[in-house]
C-alpha cells in the first residue's frame, strides 16, 4: 500500500490531498482508523515522524488529532482550504478527474473545519464567500483579524455597511 502512495514530500506534496489519498486507500483495504497511525508515520520523512512522536502517547495514536496537528504544522486552516478550493486551477498535465479530486479534497478540508452540518449553513458560507470576493481590499484590510470567521452573510453585510457609513460620514 505504501509503495503506491509513496512517502510524503513536504516540498512537493500538499498535505490535505496526501491525507485524503492515504485515508481512501486505508478504507479501501478495510483497515480500521484505530490502526492508521503506524502506516501514517511510515509514510512521512523522519522529521515529521518525530513531530508525531513528541505528542503524548494517547494523542499520538489518535488519527484525528494527528491530522489536526499536521494541518497546523502546514498552516492549513479553514480559510486556507477555502482559498485553495476557490483559486485552484487545472494543470495542463493532469486529467479533469484529477482536478475534480483536488478541489473536492480542498472542499472537504474547508467545510468540516467550520462545522457545517446542514444546507442552510452551507448556503450561508457560500453566499458569504461570494460577498467577500466582491469586497474592496481596503474593507478587507480593515477587518483582517475577523475576516475569516464571518460566515453569516447578514452579519457580514451589516459590518461592511456600518464601516462604509462611518467612513463616508453618513
N, C-alpha and C. Protein backbone atom coordinates (compact mmCIF):
# COMPACT_ATOMS: atom_id res chain seq x y z
N UNK A 1 0.83 -1.20 0.00
CA UNK A 1 0.00 0.00 0.00
C UNK A 1 0.86 1.24 0.00
N UNK A 2 1.85 1.29 0.87
CA UNK A 2 2.67 2.50 0.97
C UNK A 2 3.52 2.71 -0.27
N UNK A 3 3.85 1.64 -0.98
CA UNK A 3 4.60 1.83 -2.21
C UNK A 3 3.75 2.59 -3.23
N UNK A 4 2.45 2.31 -3.26
CA UNK A 4 1.56 3.01 -4.20
C UNK A 4 1.41 4.47 -3.83
N UNK A 5 1.30 4.75 -2.53
CA UNK A 5 1.11 6.11 -2.06
C UNK A 5 2.41 6.90 -2.11
N UNK A 6 3.50 6.28 -1.74
CA UNK A 6 4.79 6.96 -1.70
C UNK A 6 4.94 7.78 -0.45
N UNK A 7 6.16 8.17 -0.17
CA UNK A 7 6.44 8.97 1.01
C UNK A 7 6.02 10.42 0.76
N UNK A 8 5.50 11.05 1.79
CA UNK A 8 5.11 12.45 1.70
C UNK A 8 6.35 13.30 1.52
N UNK A 9 6.30 14.19 0.52
CA UNK A 9 7.40 15.13 0.28
C UNK A 9 6.89 16.53 0.58
N UNK A 10 7.34 17.13 1.71
CA UNK A 10 6.80 18.43 2.09
C UNK A 10 7.06 19.54 1.08
N UNK A 11 8.04 19.38 0.22
CA UNK A 11 8.35 20.42 -0.77
C UNK A 11 7.48 20.32 -2.02
N UNK A 12 6.92 19.14 -2.26
CA UNK A 12 6.15 18.94 -3.49
C UNK A 12 4.68 18.58 -3.24
N UNK A 13 4.40 17.90 -2.15
CA UNK A 13 3.05 17.39 -1.90
C UNK A 13 2.25 18.36 -1.04
N UNK A 14 0.95 18.35 -1.23
CA UNK A 14 0.04 19.16 -0.42
C UNK A 14 -0.55 18.21 0.62
N UNK A 15 -0.40 18.55 1.89
CA UNK A 15 -0.77 17.63 2.98
C UNK A 15 -2.24 17.23 2.95
N UNK A 16 -3.13 18.13 2.61
CA UNK A 16 -4.55 17.80 2.57
C UNK A 16 -4.86 16.72 1.54
N UNK A 17 -4.33 16.88 0.34
CA UNK A 17 -4.53 15.87 -0.71
C UNK A 17 -3.87 14.55 -0.32
N UNK A 18 -2.67 14.65 0.24
CA UNK A 18 -1.95 13.45 0.63
C UNK A 18 -2.75 12.64 1.65
N UNK A 19 -3.29 13.33 2.65
CA UNK A 19 -4.06 12.62 3.69
C UNK A 19 -5.38 12.07 3.14
N UNK A 20 -5.98 12.77 2.19
CA UNK A 20 -7.20 12.25 1.57
C UNK A 20 -6.91 10.94 0.84
N UNK A 21 -5.83 10.91 0.07
CA UNK A 21 -5.45 9.68 -0.63
C UNK A 21 -5.12 8.58 0.38
N UNK A 22 -4.36 8.94 1.41
CA UNK A 22 -4.00 8.00 2.47
C UNK A 22 -5.25 7.37 3.08
N UNK A 23 -6.21 8.21 3.47
CA UNK A 23 -7.44 7.73 4.10
C UNK A 23 -8.23 6.82 3.16
N UNK A 24 -8.35 7.22 1.92
CA UNK A 24 -9.13 6.41 0.97
C UNK A 24 -8.49 5.04 0.74
N UNK A 25 -7.17 5.02 0.67
CA UNK A 25 -6.51 3.73 0.46
C UNK A 25 -6.68 2.81 1.66
N UNK A 26 -6.55 3.35 2.86
CA UNK A 26 -6.71 2.51 4.04
C UNK A 26 -8.16 2.06 4.21
N UNK A 27 -9.12 2.90 3.86
CA UNK A 27 -10.52 2.49 3.90
C UNK A 27 -10.77 1.39 2.87
N UNK A 28 -10.20 1.55 1.69
CA UNK A 28 -10.34 0.54 0.64
C UNK A 28 -9.79 -0.81 1.10
N UNK A 29 -8.71 -0.77 1.87
CA UNK A 29 -8.10 -2.00 2.38
C UNK A 29 -8.77 -2.50 3.66
N UNK A 30 -9.85 -1.82 4.07
CA UNK A 30 -10.61 -2.18 5.28
C UNK A 30 -9.75 -2.18 6.55
N UNK A 31 -8.82 -1.26 6.63
CA UNK A 31 -8.01 -1.11 7.83
C UNK A 31 -8.73 -0.11 8.74
N UNK A 32 -9.05 -0.51 9.96
CA UNK A 32 -9.77 0.41 10.85
C UNK A 32 -8.93 1.64 11.20
N UNK A 33 -9.61 2.76 11.39
CA UNK A 33 -8.92 4.02 11.67
C UNK A 33 -8.01 3.92 12.89
N UNK A 34 -8.38 3.09 13.84
CA UNK A 34 -7.57 2.94 15.05
C UNK A 34 -6.19 2.34 14.76
N UNK A 35 -6.00 1.80 13.56
CA UNK A 35 -4.72 1.19 13.18
C UNK A 35 -3.95 2.02 12.15
N UNK A 36 -4.39 3.22 11.83
CA UNK A 36 -3.80 4.02 10.76
C UNK A 36 -2.46 4.66 11.12
N UNK A 37 -2.23 5.00 12.38
CA UNK A 37 -1.05 5.77 12.75
C UNK A 37 0.26 5.11 12.33
N UNK A 38 0.48 3.82 12.55
CA UNK A 38 1.76 3.24 12.09
C UNK A 38 1.97 3.39 10.58
N UNK A 39 0.90 3.23 9.81
CA UNK A 39 1.01 3.42 8.36
C UNK A 39 1.35 4.87 8.04
N UNK A 40 0.70 5.78 8.75
CA UNK A 40 0.93 7.20 8.52
C UNK A 40 2.37 7.58 8.84
N UNK A 41 2.85 7.18 10.00
CA UNK A 41 4.22 7.53 10.41
C UNK A 41 5.23 7.01 9.41
N UNK A 42 5.01 5.80 8.91
CA UNK A 42 5.98 5.23 7.96
C UNK A 42 5.94 5.91 6.59
N UNK A 43 4.90 6.73 6.34
CA UNK A 43 4.83 7.40 5.04
C UNK A 43 5.39 8.82 5.08
N UNK A 44 5.91 9.24 6.24
CA UNK A 44 6.45 10.59 6.39
C UNK A 44 7.96 10.56 6.56
N UNK A 45 8.62 11.65 6.17
CA UNK A 45 10.05 11.78 6.46
C UNK A 45 10.27 11.79 7.97
N UNK A 46 11.48 11.50 8.40
CA UNK A 46 11.80 11.34 9.81
C UNK A 46 11.44 12.55 10.66
N UNK A 47 11.63 13.77 10.13
CA UNK A 47 11.34 14.95 10.95
C UNK A 47 9.86 15.08 11.28
N UNK A 48 8.99 14.63 10.38
CA UNK A 48 7.55 14.68 10.65
C UNK A 48 7.16 13.53 11.58
N UNK A 49 7.76 12.37 11.37
CA UNK A 49 7.52 11.24 12.28
C UNK A 49 7.93 11.61 13.70
N UNK A 50 9.02 12.34 13.83
CA UNK A 50 9.47 12.78 15.16
C UNK A 50 8.48 13.78 15.76
N UNK A 51 7.91 14.64 14.94
CA UNK A 51 6.90 15.59 15.42
C UNK A 51 5.72 14.82 16.03
N UNK A 52 5.29 13.78 15.36
CA UNK A 52 4.19 12.95 15.86
C UNK A 52 4.60 12.24 17.15
N UNK A 53 5.83 11.74 17.18
CA UNK A 53 6.33 11.01 18.35
C UNK A 53 6.42 11.91 19.59
N UNK A 54 6.53 13.21 19.41
CA UNK A 54 6.62 14.14 20.55
C UNK A 54 5.28 14.36 21.25
N UNK A 55 4.20 13.98 20.59
CA UNK A 55 2.88 14.11 21.22
C UNK A 55 2.76 13.09 22.36
N UNK A 56 1.86 13.37 23.32
CA UNK A 56 1.71 12.37 24.38
C UNK A 56 1.16 11.08 23.76
N UNK A 57 1.36 9.99 24.45
CA UNK A 57 1.09 8.67 23.87
C UNK A 57 -0.35 8.50 23.39
N UNK A 58 -1.28 8.99 24.17
CA UNK A 58 -2.69 8.85 23.78
C UNK A 58 -2.99 9.64 22.51
N UNK A 59 -2.55 10.90 22.45
CA UNK A 59 -2.78 11.72 21.26
C UNK A 59 -2.05 11.18 20.04
N UNK A 60 -0.88 10.61 20.25
CA UNK A 60 -0.09 10.13 19.11
C UNK A 60 -0.71 8.90 18.46
N UNK A 61 -1.73 8.33 19.09
CA UNK A 61 -2.41 7.18 18.50
C UNK A 61 -3.82 7.52 18.00
N UNK A 62 -4.16 8.79 18.05
CA UNK A 62 -5.47 9.26 17.61
C UNK A 62 -5.30 9.93 16.24
N UNK A 63 -5.77 9.27 15.19
CA UNK A 63 -5.56 9.78 13.83
C UNK A 63 -6.11 11.19 13.65
N UNK A 64 -7.30 11.46 14.18
CA UNK A 64 -7.91 12.79 14.01
C UNK A 64 -7.03 13.88 14.65
N UNK A 65 -6.46 13.61 15.80
CA UNK A 65 -5.60 14.59 16.46
C UNK A 65 -4.30 14.79 15.69
N UNK A 66 -3.77 13.70 15.15
CA UNK A 66 -2.53 13.81 14.37
C UNK A 66 -2.80 14.56 13.07
N UNK A 67 -3.93 14.32 12.45
CA UNK A 67 -4.30 15.04 11.23
C UNK A 67 -4.40 16.54 11.52
N UNK A 68 -5.03 16.89 12.64
CA UNK A 68 -5.14 18.30 13.04
C UNK A 68 -3.75 18.90 13.28
N UNK A 69 -2.88 18.13 13.93
CA UNK A 69 -1.50 18.57 14.17
C UNK A 69 -0.79 18.85 12.85
N UNK A 70 -0.95 17.96 11.88
CA UNK A 70 -0.31 18.14 10.58
C UNK A 70 -0.87 19.35 9.85
N UNK A 71 -2.17 19.56 9.93
CA UNK A 71 -2.76 20.75 9.30
C UNK A 71 -2.20 22.02 9.93
N UNK A 72 -2.06 22.02 11.25
CA UNK A 72 -1.47 23.20 11.91
C UNK A 72 -0.02 23.38 11.48
N UNK A 73 0.71 22.29 11.42
CA UNK A 73 2.13 22.35 11.03
C UNK A 73 2.29 22.95 9.64
N UNK A 74 1.38 22.58 8.75
CA UNK A 74 1.45 23.07 7.36
C UNK A 74 0.49 24.23 7.13
N UNK A 75 0.00 24.81 8.22
CA UNK A 75 -0.84 26.02 8.20
C UNK A 75 -2.07 25.87 7.31
N UNK A 76 -2.74 24.75 7.44
CA UNK A 76 -3.96 24.54 6.67
C UNK A 76 -5.16 24.79 7.57
N UNK A 77 -5.67 25.99 7.49
CA UNK A 77 -6.86 26.38 8.24
C UNK A 77 -8.06 26.30 7.30
N UNK A 78 -9.23 26.49 7.85
CA UNK A 78 -10.43 26.51 7.01
C UNK A 78 -10.30 27.58 5.94
N UNK A 79 -9.76 28.74 6.31
CA UNK A 79 -9.62 29.82 5.32
C UNK A 79 -8.62 29.45 4.23
N UNK A 80 -7.55 28.75 4.59
CA UNK A 80 -6.57 28.32 3.58
C UNK A 80 -7.20 27.29 2.63
N UNK A 81 -7.98 26.34 3.18
CA UNK A 81 -8.68 25.38 2.33
C UNK A 81 -9.65 26.11 1.40
N UNK A 82 -10.33 27.14 1.92
CA UNK A 82 -11.24 27.93 1.08
C UNK A 82 -10.48 28.56 -0.07
N UNK A 83 -9.33 29.14 0.22
CA UNK A 83 -8.51 29.75 -0.83
C UNK A 83 -8.07 28.72 -1.85
N UNK A 84 -7.61 27.57 -1.37
CA UNK A 84 -7.18 26.52 -2.30
C UNK A 84 -8.35 26.06 -3.17
N UNK A 85 -9.52 25.90 -2.56
CA UNK A 85 -10.72 25.49 -3.30
C UNK A 85 -11.10 26.53 -4.35
N UNK A 86 -11.09 27.79 -3.97
CA UNK A 86 -11.53 28.87 -4.86
C UNK A 86 -10.55 29.20 -5.97
N UNK A 87 -9.27 29.06 -5.70
CA UNK A 87 -8.25 29.53 -6.64
C UNK A 87 -7.55 28.42 -7.41
N UNK A 88 -7.82 27.17 -7.07
CA UNK A 88 -7.10 26.07 -7.71
C UNK A 88 -7.42 26.01 -9.20
N UNK A 89 -6.40 25.79 -9.98
CA UNK A 89 -6.55 25.70 -11.44
C UNK A 89 -6.09 24.33 -11.91
N UNK A 90 -6.71 23.86 -12.97
CA UNK A 90 -6.32 22.58 -13.55
C UNK A 90 -4.97 22.73 -14.23
N UNK A 91 -4.08 21.84 -13.90
CA UNK A 91 -2.77 21.81 -14.54
C UNK A 91 -2.92 21.17 -15.92
N UNK A 92 -2.19 21.66 -16.92
CA UNK A 92 -2.31 21.08 -18.27
C UNK A 92 -1.92 19.60 -18.33
N UNK A 93 -1.09 19.15 -17.40
CA UNK A 93 -0.65 17.76 -17.45
C UNK A 93 -1.45 16.83 -16.54
N UNK A 94 -2.62 17.30 -16.04
CA UNK A 94 -3.47 16.43 -15.24
C UNK A 94 -4.82 16.26 -15.93
N UNK A 95 -5.54 15.24 -15.50
CA UNK A 95 -6.86 14.98 -16.08
C UNK A 95 -7.92 15.79 -15.34
N UNK A 96 -9.10 15.86 -15.93
CA UNK A 96 -10.20 16.53 -15.26
C UNK A 96 -10.60 15.77 -14.00
N UNK A 97 -10.45 14.45 -14.03
CA UNK A 97 -10.73 13.64 -12.84
C UNK A 97 -9.76 14.02 -11.72
N UNK A 98 -8.49 14.23 -12.04
CA UNK A 98 -7.51 14.68 -11.03
C UNK A 98 -7.93 16.03 -10.46
N UNK A 99 -8.33 16.94 -11.35
CA UNK A 99 -8.76 18.27 -10.92
C UNK A 99 -9.96 18.17 -9.98
N UNK A 100 -10.93 17.34 -10.37
CA UNK A 100 -12.10 17.13 -9.51
C UNK A 100 -11.66 16.63 -8.13
N UNK A 101 -10.79 15.64 -8.10
CA UNK A 101 -10.33 15.07 -6.84
C UNK A 101 -9.64 16.14 -5.98
N UNK A 102 -8.83 16.97 -6.59
CA UNK A 102 -8.10 18.01 -5.86
C UNK A 102 -9.06 19.04 -5.25
N UNK A 103 -10.00 19.56 -6.06
CA UNK A 103 -10.88 20.59 -5.49
C UNK A 103 -11.87 19.97 -4.49
N UNK A 104 -12.29 18.74 -4.72
CA UNK A 104 -13.16 18.07 -3.74
C UNK A 104 -12.43 17.90 -2.42
N UNK A 105 -11.16 17.58 -2.49
CA UNK A 105 -10.35 17.43 -1.27
C UNK A 105 -10.24 18.76 -0.52
N UNK A 106 -10.04 19.84 -1.26
CA UNK A 106 -9.97 21.16 -0.62
C UNK A 106 -11.32 21.52 0.02
N UNK A 107 -12.40 21.22 -0.69
CA UNK A 107 -13.73 21.49 -0.15
C UNK A 107 -13.96 20.70 1.13
N UNK A 108 -13.57 19.42 1.10
CA UNK A 108 -13.72 18.56 2.27
C UNK A 108 -12.86 19.03 3.44
N UNK A 109 -11.76 19.72 3.17
CA UNK A 109 -10.96 20.30 4.23
C UNK A 109 -11.56 21.58 4.77
N UNK A 110 -12.23 22.32 3.91
CA UNK A 110 -12.81 23.61 4.27
C UNK A 110 -14.05 23.45 5.16
N UNK A 111 -14.99 22.63 4.74
CA UNK A 111 -16.30 22.54 5.38
C UNK A 111 -16.27 21.97 6.80
N UNK A 112 -15.62 20.84 7.05
CA UNK A 112 -15.63 20.30 8.42
C UNK A 112 -14.99 21.24 9.46
N UNK A 113 -13.99 21.99 9.05
CA UNK A 113 -13.35 22.93 9.96
C UNK A 113 -14.34 23.97 10.50
N UNK A 114 -15.39 24.24 9.74
CA UNK A 114 -16.37 25.26 10.12
C UNK A 114 -17.64 24.67 10.72
N UNK A 115 -17.65 23.35 10.93
CA UNK A 115 -18.81 22.66 11.50
C UNK A 115 -20.09 22.90 10.70
N UNK A 116 -19.98 22.81 9.39
CA UNK A 116 -21.14 22.95 8.51
C UNK A 116 -21.90 21.62 8.56
N UNK A 117 -23.12 21.68 9.10
CA UNK A 117 -23.88 20.44 9.32
C UNK A 117 -25.15 20.34 8.48
N UNK A 118 -25.57 21.45 7.87
CA UNK A 118 -26.81 21.38 7.09
C UNK A 118 -26.76 22.35 5.91
N UNK A 119 -27.79 22.27 5.08
CA UNK A 119 -27.83 23.06 3.86
C UNK A 119 -27.81 24.56 4.15
N UNK A 120 -28.55 25.01 5.16
CA UNK A 120 -28.61 26.45 5.47
C UNK A 120 -27.24 27.01 5.84
N UNK A 121 -26.49 26.27 6.63
CA UNK A 121 -25.14 26.73 6.99
C UNK A 121 -24.22 26.74 5.77
N UNK A 122 -24.37 25.73 4.91
CA UNK A 122 -23.58 25.68 3.68
C UNK A 122 -23.94 26.86 2.78
N UNK A 123 -25.22 27.14 2.65
CA UNK A 123 -25.67 28.27 1.84
C UNK A 123 -25.10 29.58 2.39
N UNK A 124 -25.17 29.77 3.69
CA UNK A 124 -24.62 30.99 4.30
C UNK A 124 -23.13 31.12 4.02
N UNK A 125 -22.43 30.02 4.12
CA UNK A 125 -20.99 30.04 3.87
C UNK A 125 -20.68 30.44 2.43
N UNK A 126 -21.38 29.85 1.48
CA UNK A 126 -21.12 30.15 0.06
C UNK A 126 -21.52 31.58 -0.28
N UNK A 127 -22.65 32.05 0.23
CA UNK A 127 -23.06 33.43 -0.02
C UNK A 127 -22.06 34.40 0.60
N UNK A 128 -21.64 34.13 1.83
CA UNK A 128 -20.64 34.99 2.49
C UNK A 128 -19.34 35.01 1.69
N UNK A 129 -18.95 33.86 1.20
CA UNK A 129 -17.71 33.78 0.42
C UNK A 129 -17.81 34.64 -0.84
N UNK A 130 -18.96 34.63 -1.49
CA UNK A 130 -19.14 35.46 -2.69
C UNK A 130 -19.10 36.95 -2.33
N UNK A 131 -19.71 37.31 -1.22
CA UNK A 131 -19.66 38.71 -0.78
C UNK A 131 -18.21 39.11 -0.50
N UNK A 132 -17.48 38.24 0.17
CA UNK A 132 -16.07 38.53 0.50
C UNK A 132 -15.24 38.71 -0.76
N UNK A 133 -15.52 37.92 -1.79
CA UNK A 133 -14.77 38.04 -3.05
C UNK A 133 -15.00 39.39 -3.72
N UNK A 134 -16.16 39.97 -3.50
CA UNK A 134 -16.51 41.24 -4.15
C UNK A 134 -16.18 42.46 -3.29
N UNK A 135 -15.72 42.22 -2.07
CA UNK A 135 -15.42 43.32 -1.15
C UNK A 135 -14.10 43.99 -1.52
N UNK A 136 -14.07 45.31 -1.58
CA UNK A 136 -12.83 46.02 -1.91
C UNK A 136 -11.71 45.73 -0.90
N UNK A 137 -10.47 45.73 -1.36
CA UNK A 137 -9.33 45.40 -0.49
C UNK A 137 -9.23 46.25 0.77
N UNK A 138 -9.58 47.54 0.70
CA UNK A 138 -9.46 48.39 1.89
C UNK A 138 -10.43 47.97 3.00
N UNK A 139 -11.61 47.51 2.61
CA UNK A 139 -12.56 47.00 3.61
C UNK A 139 -12.05 45.70 4.22
N UNK A 140 -11.53 44.81 3.38
CA UNK A 140 -10.97 43.55 3.89
C UNK A 140 -9.86 43.84 4.88
N UNK A 141 -9.01 44.77 4.52
CA UNK A 141 -7.86 45.12 5.36
C UNK A 141 -8.32 45.63 6.72
N UNK A 142 -9.38 46.41 6.74
CA UNK A 142 -9.89 46.95 8.00
C UNK A 142 -10.35 45.84 8.95
N UNK A 143 -10.90 44.77 8.39
CA UNK A 143 -11.45 43.68 9.19
C UNK A 143 -10.56 42.44 9.21
N UNK A 144 -9.30 42.59 8.90
CA UNK A 144 -8.40 41.45 8.68
C UNK A 144 -8.40 40.44 9.84
N UNK A 145 -8.49 40.91 11.08
CA UNK A 145 -8.43 40.00 12.22
C UNK A 145 -9.66 39.10 12.35
N UNK A 146 -10.79 39.54 11.84
CA UNK A 146 -12.04 38.78 11.98
C UNK A 146 -12.55 38.21 10.67
N UNK A 147 -11.95 38.59 9.58
CA UNK A 147 -12.47 38.30 8.24
C UNK A 147 -12.80 36.83 8.03
N UNK A 148 -11.88 35.94 8.37
CA UNK A 148 -12.07 34.51 8.10
C UNK A 148 -13.19 33.90 8.94
N UNK A 149 -13.54 34.54 10.04
CA UNK A 149 -14.54 33.99 10.95
C UNK A 149 -15.97 34.34 10.56
N UNK A 150 -16.15 35.32 9.72
CA UNK A 150 -17.50 35.77 9.37
C UNK A 150 -18.07 34.94 8.23
N UNK A 151 -18.96 34.03 8.59
CA UNK A 151 -19.56 33.14 7.60
C UNK A 151 -21.08 33.26 7.54
N UNK A 152 -21.62 34.26 8.23
CA UNK A 152 -23.05 34.55 8.17
C UNK A 152 -23.22 35.81 7.33
N UNK A 153 -23.87 35.71 6.17
CA UNK A 153 -23.91 36.85 5.25
C UNK A 153 -24.55 38.11 5.85
N UNK A 154 -25.60 37.98 6.64
CA UNK A 154 -26.24 39.18 7.20
C UNK A 154 -25.32 39.88 8.20
N UNK A 155 -24.62 39.11 9.01
CA UNK A 155 -23.65 39.69 9.94
C UNK A 155 -22.54 40.40 9.16
N UNK A 156 -22.07 39.75 8.11
CA UNK A 156 -21.00 40.32 7.28
C UNK A 156 -21.44 41.63 6.64
N UNK A 157 -22.61 41.65 6.01
CA UNK A 157 -23.03 42.87 5.31
C UNK A 157 -23.36 44.00 6.29
N UNK A 158 -23.85 43.66 7.47
CA UNK A 158 -24.09 44.70 8.48
C UNK A 158 -22.78 45.39 8.86
N UNK A 159 -21.74 44.61 9.06
CA UNK A 159 -20.43 45.18 9.42
C UNK A 159 -19.85 46.00 8.27
N UNK A 160 -20.00 45.49 7.05
CA UNK A 160 -19.49 46.23 5.88
C UNK A 160 -20.25 47.54 5.70
N UNK A 161 -21.58 47.48 5.81
CA UNK A 161 -22.39 48.70 5.69
C UNK A 161 -22.05 49.71 6.78
N UNK A 162 -21.92 49.23 8.01
CA UNK A 162 -21.59 50.13 9.12
C UNK A 162 -20.25 50.82 8.88
N UNK A 163 -19.27 50.06 8.43
CA UNK A 163 -17.96 50.66 8.17
C UNK A 163 -18.04 51.69 7.04
N UNK A 164 -18.74 51.35 5.97
CA UNK A 164 -18.87 52.30 4.86
C UNK A 164 -19.62 53.56 5.29
N UNK A 165 -20.65 53.41 6.10
CA UNK A 165 -21.40 54.58 6.59
C UNK A 165 -20.51 55.49 7.42
N UNK A 166 -19.71 54.90 8.28
CA UNK A 166 -18.80 55.70 9.12
C UNK A 166 -17.72 56.35 8.27
N UNK A 167 -17.15 55.58 7.36
CA UNK A 167 -16.04 56.12 6.56
C UNK A 167 -16.49 57.18 5.55
N UNK A 168 -17.76 57.15 5.16
CA UNK A 168 -18.29 58.16 4.24
C UNK A 168 -19.00 59.29 4.98
N UNK A 169 -18.97 59.23 6.31
CA UNK A 169 -19.54 60.31 7.12
C UNK A 169 -21.05 60.38 7.11
N UNK A 170 -21.73 59.24 6.88
CA UNK A 170 -23.20 59.26 6.87
C UNK A 170 -23.78 59.06 8.24
